[in-house]
Protein backbone atom coordinates (compact mmCIF):
# COMPACT_ATOMS: atom_id res chain seq x y z
CA MET A 1 0.16 -0.02 -0.06
CA ILE A 2 2.83 2.57 0.60
CA GLU A 3 4.69 1.17 -2.34
CA VAL A 4 1.73 2.26 -4.39
CA ILE A 5 1.54 5.53 -2.03
CA VAL A 6 4.48 6.48 -3.20
CA ILE A 7 4.32 6.08 -6.63
CA LEU A 8 1.81 8.09 -6.84
CA VAL A 9 3.11 10.85 -4.97
CA ILE A 10 5.92 10.52 -7.80
CA LEU A 11 3.67 10.63 -10.45
CA VAL A 12 1.81 13.67 -9.11
CA LEU A 13 4.91 15.71 -8.78
CA GLY A 14 6.19 14.82 -11.64
CA THR A 15 2.94 16.14 -13.20
CA LEU A 16 3.08 19.19 -11.73
CA PHE A 17 7.06 19.50 -12.71
CA PHE A 18 6.45 18.60 -15.81
CA LEU A 19 3.12 21.30 -16.04
CA GLY A 20 5.29 23.54 -14.61
CA SER A 21 8.41 23.49 -16.24
CA GLY A 22 6.52 24.10 -19.65
CA PHE A 23 4.52 27.07 -18.21
CA GLY A 24 7.40 28.77 -17.31
CA ILE A 25 9.57 27.13 -20.55
CA ARG A 26 6.85 28.95 -22.40
CA ALA A 27 6.67 32.06 -20.62
CA LEU A 28 10.14 32.45 -20.81
CA ALA A 29 10.37 32.18 -24.26
CA ARG A 30 8.16 35.26 -24.89
CA VAL A 31 10.84 37.49 -23.50
CA PRO A 32 12.79 35.25 -24.69
CA PHE A 33 15.38 34.18 -22.38
CA ARG A 34 16.99 30.70 -22.82
CA TRP A 35 14.41 29.34 -24.99
CA THR A 36 11.92 31.20 -27.97
CA PHE A 37 8.96 30.52 -30.02
CA THR A 38 8.99 29.62 -33.90
CA PRO A 39 5.88 30.73 -35.52
CA GLU A 40 4.74 28.42 -38.29
CA ASN A 41 6.57 29.77 -41.82
CA THR A 42 9.40 32.10 -39.83
CA PHE A 43 12.93 32.16 -38.79
CA CYS A 44 14.82 33.91 -36.04
CA ALA A 45 18.64 34.61 -35.97
CA VAL A 46 20.02 34.00 -32.64
CA VAL A 47 22.50 36.95 -31.39
CA THR A 48 24.98 36.92 -28.41
CA ASP A 49 24.13 40.37 -27.71
CA GLU A 50 21.70 43.10 -28.28
CA GLU A 51 21.58 46.99 -27.85
CA ALA A 52 19.15 48.08 -25.21
CA GLY A 53 16.56 50.71 -26.50
CA GLU A 54 15.83 51.82 -29.91
CA LYS A 55 18.06 55.38 -31.32
CA LYS A 56 15.93 58.47 -30.47
CA PRO A 57 16.37 61.49 -31.92
CA GLY A 58 19.79 63.79 -30.59
CA ASP A 59 21.10 60.06 -29.83
CA LYS A 60 25.22 60.16 -30.56
CA LYS A 61 24.87 56.36 -31.42
CA SER A 62 25.71 55.55 -34.72
CA GLY A 63 24.09 52.99 -36.92
CA ASP A 64 20.22 51.95 -37.96
CA ASP A 65 17.11 52.94 -35.71
CA THR A 66 16.83 49.64 -34.42
CA THR A 67 19.03 47.37 -32.01
CA ARG A 68 21.18 45.73 -33.97
CA GLY A 69 24.01 44.47 -31.10
CA GLY A 70 25.36 40.70 -31.13
CA ASN A 71 27.09 38.00 -33.19
CA ILE A 72 24.73 35.57 -35.42
CA VAL A 73 25.30 32.18 -33.10
CA LYS A 74 22.72 29.92 -33.89
CA ALA A 75 19.67 30.34 -36.45
CA LEU A 76 16.06 28.82 -35.72
CA HIS A 77 13.27 28.43 -37.55
CA GLY A 78 9.41 26.94 -38.29
CA VAL A 79 9.33 26.10 -42.07
CA THR A 80 7.50 22.36 -42.35
CA GLY A 81 9.27 20.85 -44.96
CA LYS A 82 12.88 22.90 -44.87
CA ARG A 83 16.10 22.12 -43.32
CA LEU A 84 18.28 24.58 -42.66
CA ASP A 85 21.70 23.89 -43.55
CA LYS A 86 24.38 24.76 -41.20
CA SER A 87 27.34 23.71 -42.46
CA SER A 88 29.08 26.28 -44.11
CA PRO A 89 31.24 28.21 -41.59
CA ASP A 90 29.90 31.26 -43.15
CA ARG A 91 26.24 32.29 -41.34
CA MET A 92 25.67 34.22 -45.19
CA ASN A 93 25.62 30.64 -47.03
CA TRP A 94 23.42 29.15 -44.39
CA ILE A 95 20.50 27.73 -46.69
CA PHE A 96 17.24 25.95 -46.98
CA VAL A 97 17.14 22.37 -48.35
CA ASN A 98 14.24 20.66 -49.01
CA ASP A 99 13.96 17.44 -46.52
CA GLU A 100 10.43 15.88 -44.72
CA GLU A 101 11.54 17.57 -41.64
CA ASP A 102 14.64 19.39 -39.41
CA PRO A 103 15.76 16.97 -36.99
CA ALA A 104 15.49 19.75 -34.64
CA HIS A 105 11.52 20.13 -34.57
CA ASP A 106 12.16 16.34 -33.30
CA ALA A 107 13.00 17.75 -29.89
CA LEU A 108 10.26 17.11 -27.48
CA LEU A 109 9.90 20.98 -26.23
CA TYR A 110 9.03 22.07 -30.12
CA ARG A 111 7.30 18.96 -30.62
CA THR A 112 5.27 19.16 -26.70
CA PHE A 113 5.02 23.58 -26.27
CA GLY A 114 6.40 24.66 -29.96
CA VAL A 115 9.62 26.26 -28.99
CA GLN A 116 13.64 26.29 -29.28
CA ASP A 117 16.46 26.22 -27.25
CA MET A 118 18.55 29.47 -28.04
CA GLY A 119 21.56 27.42 -26.30
CA SER A 120 22.54 29.64 -23.52
CA ILE A 121 20.55 32.23 -20.81
CA PHE A 122 22.91 34.95 -22.62
CA HIS A 123 21.49 34.56 -26.11
CA THR A 124 18.28 36.68 -27.94
CA THR A 125 16.86 36.60 -31.44
CA ARG A 126 18.08 39.37 -33.52
CA LEU A 127 15.43 42.61 -33.70
CA ASN A 128 15.30 42.85 -37.84
CA ILE A 129 14.21 45.22 -40.25
CA ASP A 130 11.77 44.23 -42.44
CA ARG A 131 11.75 46.57 -45.64
CA ARG A 132 9.70 45.95 -48.71
CA MET A 133 7.57 48.13 -51.03
CA ARG A 134 4.01 46.38 -50.67
CA PHE A 135 0.79 47.02 -51.76
CA ALA A 136 -1.31 48.42 -49.22
CA ARG A 137 -2.87 51.60 -47.40
CA GLU A 138 -0.97 54.05 -44.37
CA ASP A 139 -1.87 52.84 -41.01
CA ASP A 140 -3.40 55.80 -40.34
CA LYS A 141 -5.74 55.46 -43.35
CA PRO A 142 -8.16 52.87 -43.63
CA GLU A 143 -10.18 54.64 -46.03
CA GLN A 144 -7.37 55.16 -48.05
CA GLU A 145 -7.36 53.35 -51.72
CA LEU A 146 -4.33 50.63 -52.07
CA HIS A 147 -1.51 51.67 -53.10
CA ALA A 148 2.02 50.60 -53.21
CA LEU A 149 4.70 52.10 -50.40
CA THR A 150 7.80 51.20 -48.78
CA LYS A 151 6.78 49.57 -44.87
CA ALA A 152 9.55 48.93 -42.63
CA ARG A 153 8.17 46.70 -39.83
CA LYS A 154 10.27 45.64 -36.38
CA VAL A 155 10.36 41.45 -36.24
CA ARG A 156 12.03 39.00 -34.42
CA ASN A 157 10.88 36.32 -36.41
CA VAL A 158 11.18 36.79 -40.53
CA PHE A 159 9.03 34.96 -43.01
CA TYR A 160 9.80 32.37 -44.57
CA THR A 161 7.93 33.80 -47.98
CA GLY A 162 6.47 36.62 -48.65
CA GLU A 163 6.14 39.37 -51.25
CA LEU A 164 7.04 42.59 -52.60
CA THR A 165 6.21 45.18 -54.99
CA VAL A 166 8.56 46.46 -57.63
CA VAL A 167 7.17 49.61 -59.61
CA VAL A 168 9.15 50.82 -62.41
CA LYS A 169 8.39 54.60 -63.62
CA GLU A 170 8.18 55.93 -66.91
CA SER A 171 9.86 52.37 -69.11
CA ASP A 172 11.20 53.53 -72.39
CA THR A 173 9.37 52.89 -75.54
CA VAL A 174 9.13 53.78 -79.16
CA ASP A 175 6.87 56.61 -78.80
CA LYS A 176 8.61 58.34 -76.24
CA LEU A 177 5.35 58.02 -74.17
CA GLY A 178 6.79 56.26 -70.66
CA VAL A 179 4.82 53.77 -69.61
CA ASN A 180 4.52 52.88 -65.51
CA PHE A 181 4.35 49.38 -64.41
CA GLU A 182 3.63 47.34 -61.22
CA ILE A 183 5.07 44.47 -60.40
CA ASP A 184 4.22 42.14 -57.84
CA PHE A 185 7.09 39.23 -56.84
CA ALA A 186 6.28 36.53 -54.73
CA PHE A 187 9.64 35.20 -53.11
CA ALA A 188 11.05 32.32 -50.92
CA ARG A 189 14.19 33.12 -48.67
CA ARG A 190 16.84 30.60 -49.84
CA TYR A 191 19.33 31.73 -47.93
CA PRO A 192 17.67 33.55 -44.44
CA ILE A 193 20.45 35.37 -43.07
CA ARG A 194 21.74 36.63 -46.09
CA SER A 195 18.20 38.05 -47.36
CA ILE A 196 18.64 39.95 -43.63
CA LEU A 197 21.70 40.99 -42.97
CA LYS A 198 23.41 41.69 -47.13
CA LEU A 199 21.51 44.52 -48.07
CA ALA A 200 18.89 47.25 -45.84
CA ASP A 201 16.21 47.23 -48.85
CA SER A 202 16.38 44.34 -51.23
CA ALA A 203 13.42 45.75 -53.06
CA ALA A 204 15.78 49.03 -54.58
CA PHE A 205 17.89 46.45 -55.34
CA LEU A 206 15.53 44.19 -57.53
CA THR A 207 13.94 47.09 -58.94
CA SER A 208 16.71 48.26 -60.67
CA LEU A 209 17.25 44.38 -62.41
CA VAL A 210 13.80 44.38 -63.10
CA GLU A 211 13.53 48.72 -64.67
CA ASN A 212 16.76 46.91 -67.40
CA ILE A 213 14.25 43.85 -68.37
CA VAL A 214 11.08 46.15 -68.56
CA ASN A 215 13.15 49.12 -71.02
CA SER A 216 14.72 45.85 -72.94
CA ALA A 217 11.19 44.86 -73.68
CA THR A 218 9.64 47.65 -73.91
CA VAL A 219 11.78 49.78 -75.52
CA GLY A 220 10.58 48.57 -79.22
CA LEU A 221 7.08 49.05 -78.93
CA PRO A 222 4.97 52.09 -78.47
CA ALA A 223 3.14 53.11 -75.66
CA GLY A 224 -0.14 51.84 -76.70
CA ALA A 225 0.60 48.10 -77.00
CA PHE A 226 0.72 47.77 -73.17
CA ILE A 227 -1.64 50.41 -72.52
CA GLY A 228 -5.14 51.30 -74.38
CA GLY A 229 -6.00 55.02 -75.57
CA GLU A 230 -9.24 57.02 -75.08
CA GLY A 231 -10.78 55.39 -71.93
CA THR A 232 -9.67 51.96 -72.62
CA ALA A 233 -7.38 50.10 -70.57
CA THR A 234 -6.57 46.06 -72.19
CA SER A 235 -7.44 44.83 -75.61
CA GLN A 236 -6.73 41.49 -76.80
CA SER A 237 -3.18 42.81 -78.44
CA THR A 238 -2.44 44.63 -75.06
CA LYS A 239 -3.12 41.88 -72.90
CA ALA A 240 -0.72 39.98 -74.80
CA ASN A 241 2.34 42.37 -74.75
CA ARG A 242 1.11 42.64 -71.20
CA ASP A 243 1.71 38.67 -70.67
CA GLN A 244 4.60 38.55 -72.75
CA LEU A 245 6.20 41.31 -70.23
CA ILE A 246 5.90 38.92 -67.65
CA LEU A 247 6.81 35.79 -69.24
CA ASP A 248 10.04 38.06 -69.81
CA ILE A 249 10.88 38.96 -66.64
CA GLN A 250 9.95 35.50 -65.09
CA GLY A 251 12.25 34.07 -67.22
CA ASN A 252 15.25 36.47 -66.32
CA LEU A 253 15.03 35.99 -62.89
CA LYS A 254 14.74 32.38 -62.66
CA SER A 255 16.73 31.26 -65.37
CA THR A 256 21.03 30.16 -64.60
CA ASP A 257 22.12 33.89 -65.94
CA ASP A 258 23.55 36.65 -63.93
CA ILE A 259 20.46 38.21 -62.88
CA SER A 260 19.20 35.44 -61.41
CA LYS A 261 22.15 34.69 -59.64
CA LYS A 262 22.70 38.51 -58.54
CA VAL A 263 18.98 37.78 -56.97
CA LEU A 264 20.40 34.94 -55.16
CA GLU A 265 23.96 35.90 -54.81
CA VAL A 266 22.79 39.30 -53.22
CA ILE A 267 19.42 39.07 -52.14
CA GLY A 268 19.25 35.68 -51.20
CA ILE A 269 15.84 35.06 -52.53
CA ASP A 270 14.23 32.92 -54.48
CA ILE A 271 11.43 34.42 -57.05
CA THR A 272 8.60 31.85 -57.00
CA ALA A 273 5.80 33.47 -58.98
CA VAL A 274 5.47 36.80 -60.45
CA SER A 275 2.11 39.02 -61.12
CA LEU A 276 1.82 42.24 -62.63
CA ARG A 277 -0.55 44.81 -60.94
CA SER A 278 -0.96 47.69 -62.92
CA VAL A 279 -0.13 49.46 -65.98
CA SER A 280 -0.62 53.44 -66.10
CA MET A 281 1.02 56.19 -67.31
CA THR A 282 1.10 60.22 -66.36
CA PRO A 283 -2.01 62.24 -67.16
CA ALA A 284 0.19 64.02 -69.37
CA HIS A 285 1.80 61.37 -71.86
CA ARG A 286 -2.28 59.64 -71.15
CA ALA A 287 -3.89 62.56 -73.22
CA LEU A 288 -0.76 62.55 -76.27
CA LEU A 289 -1.70 58.70 -76.63
CA GLU A 290 -4.83 59.06 -76.27
CA LYS A 291 -4.37 61.67 -79.39
CA GLU A 292 -2.41 60.24 -81.14
CA VAL A 293 -4.96 56.90 -80.86
CA THR A 294 -7.98 58.94 -81.84
CA ALA A 295 -5.93 60.40 -84.99
CA ARG A 296 -4.98 57.07 -85.91
CA LYS A 297 -8.57 55.87 -85.67
CA VAL A 298 -9.73 58.75 -88.11
CA ALA A 299 -7.13 57.92 -90.52
CA GLU A 300 -7.88 54.74 -90.67
CA ALA A 301 -11.43 55.30 -91.19
CA GLU A 302 -10.54 57.65 -93.81
CA MET A 303 -8.34 55.07 -95.18
CA ILE A 304 -11.29 52.50 -95.33
CA ARG A 305 -13.78 55.16 -96.84
CA VAL A 306 -10.77 55.70 -100.08
CA ARG A 307 -11.08 51.93 -100.23
CA ASN A 308 -14.49 51.82 -100.31
CA GLU A 309 -14.56 54.29 -103.04
CA ALA A 310 -11.68 53.15 -104.92
CA ALA A 311 -14.08 49.45 -104.75
CA GLN A 312 -17.39 51.11 -106.33
CA VAL A 313 -16.00 52.66 -109.20
CA LEU A 314 -13.74 49.22 -110.07
CA ILE A 315 -16.76 47.31 -109.94
CA LYS A 316 -18.75 50.29 -111.49
CA ALA A 317 -15.92 50.07 -114.78
CA ARG A 318 -16.04 46.09 -114.40
CA ALA A 319 -19.78 46.52 -115.37
CA GLN A 320 -19.39 48.52 -117.52
CA LYS A 321 -16.79 46.63 -119.08
CA LYS A 322 -18.89 43.76 -119.44
CA ALA A 323 -21.69 45.62 -121.02
CA ASP A 324 -19.20 46.93 -123.76
CA MET A 325 -18.06 43.77 -124.32
CA LEU A 326 -21.98 42.39 -124.68
CA ASP A 327 -22.55 44.79 -127.19
CA ASN A 328 -19.40 43.76 -129.29
CA ASP A 329 -20.25 40.32 -129.34
CA ALA A 330 -23.41 41.35 -130.64
CA ASP A 331 -22.74 43.79 -133.23
CA ALA A 332 -20.00 40.93 -134.39
CA ASP A 333 -22.86 38.34 -134.32
CA ARG A 334 -24.73 41.27 -136.27
CA VAL A 335 -22.34 41.22 -139.06
CA GLU A 336 -21.39 37.26 -138.95
CA ARG A 337 -25.24 36.41 -138.76
CA VAL A 338 -27.06 39.56 -141.29
CA THR A 339 -24.55 41.68 -142.82
CA LYS A 340 -22.25 39.36 -144.53
CA PRO A 341 -24.86 36.68 -145.56
CA ALA A 342 -27.08 39.88 -147.06
CA ALA A 343 -24.06 41.35 -149.02
CA GLU A 344 -23.22 38.54 -150.76
CA ASN A 345 -24.69 39.50 -154.23
CA ASP A 346 -27.30 42.52 -155.93
CA ARG A 347 -29.80 40.02 -155.14
CA THR A 348 -29.48 40.01 -151.75
CA VAL A 349 -28.80 43.10 -150.63
CA ALA A 350 -31.91 44.22 -152.91
CA VAL A 351 -34.11 41.75 -150.74
CA ARG A 352 -32.19 43.20 -147.87
CA PHE A 353 -33.85 47.06 -149.03
CA ALA A 354 -36.86 46.09 -149.76
CA GLU A 355 -37.03 44.44 -146.20
CA THR A 356 -35.84 47.64 -144.74
CA LEU A 357 -38.36 49.76 -146.20
CA GLU A 358 -41.11 47.42 -145.19
CA LYS A 359 -40.09 47.87 -141.71
CA ASN A 360 -40.02 51.69 -142.45
CA GLU A 361 -42.02 53.94 -140.29
CA THR A 362 -40.58 57.41 -140.29
CA LEU A 363 -38.74 57.75 -143.93
CA THR A 364 -40.62 58.88 -146.61
CA HIS A 365 -38.40 59.61 -149.66
CA ILE A 366 -35.05 58.55 -151.30
CA THR A 367 -33.36 61.09 -153.14
CA TYR A 368 -30.95 59.47 -155.79
CA ALA A 369 -28.16 61.12 -157.34
CA PRO A 370 -28.72 63.38 -160.44
CA GLY A 371 -29.31 61.84 -163.80
CA ALA A 372 -31.41 58.59 -162.42
CA LYS A 373 -35.05 57.79 -163.68
CA ASN A 374 -36.60 59.20 -160.94
CA THR A 375 -34.89 61.46 -158.57
CA VAL A 376 -37.17 61.14 -155.76
CA ILE A 377 -39.37 58.59 -154.75
CA PRO A 378 -41.62 58.01 -151.64
CA VAL A 379 -41.69 55.50 -149.95
CA GLY A 380 -43.57 55.22 -147.52
CA GLY A 381 -46.13 57.49 -144.85
CA ASP A 382 -48.22 60.58 -146.25
CA THR A 383 -46.42 61.14 -149.02
CA PRO A 384 -47.05 64.62 -150.59
């Protein structure tokens, strides 16, 4: 009986210790202190120290406006289906690779409480600046329409995947009417530490690369190839040109050429999808384009009218030609079947002459040359 009681007490105490430890660990992980939470689809960099507080106006401390102290000693993540390969001594080269699951996620604390061990009570997670251009509203203007703006967020846990918007202003065109493009990119951070450390503004660098691709695609076409005139935003041809532009961007950013390497080497991300959010022009350029489209349509209408008139003249000419040919055929037939047989000898001529007089309704007299027996002979009608 005593043994049963002892076992029950041990089980109760063990349960209380486990639960108490769990609550304690979770509480410390929120600090973070020794342990930290790594939410789904995020990662964090563990550093040896962190400068307290933020830079205030007039503060003599140099650097960014956020806490950035300490060396990176570890990286923790909650990305499902990925393993973080940290075999390289250069932390910039730590890379996410495809795997069934990261062994670090098999730890009891992660599976039970969702926390991971930072390795020391003196370690903490790095506070990062996630600066990206997004299609959003100003925080203090909820009624505002969505538009592209740069937002900087201070985060300890950085999302593995994300999106950013690149704005290309007044791209080159044949007619010098610049076209503005807002292009959305979905990406994944293949090199997580590189993606948060190497550049302060990844979107700015990506914009410079995309601008070159877009200008190469638009420089040989007029602005109307990408945006319609007279209030028409798209047509079959403009849609086809826009789709081709996206294919050009995707091809350059996903291939093994220099641009793709630059994105990985400098930004540390893979571009997973590209979409065209909007195409626009400045009001002045738009007005010029609409005038150009209107003038072209007027010219096309005039050309159609001239072609129609020319076609009508040609039709009439062809009809007249056919009529003349029929008249000629009739005359030729008359000569062959009537005139030639009637002129074979004097008798046929006299018969033909007599037939003519029989059918006469208007001729009244025939005058012969002087010296004939009868100079004037009445031939029909009322004779005097």
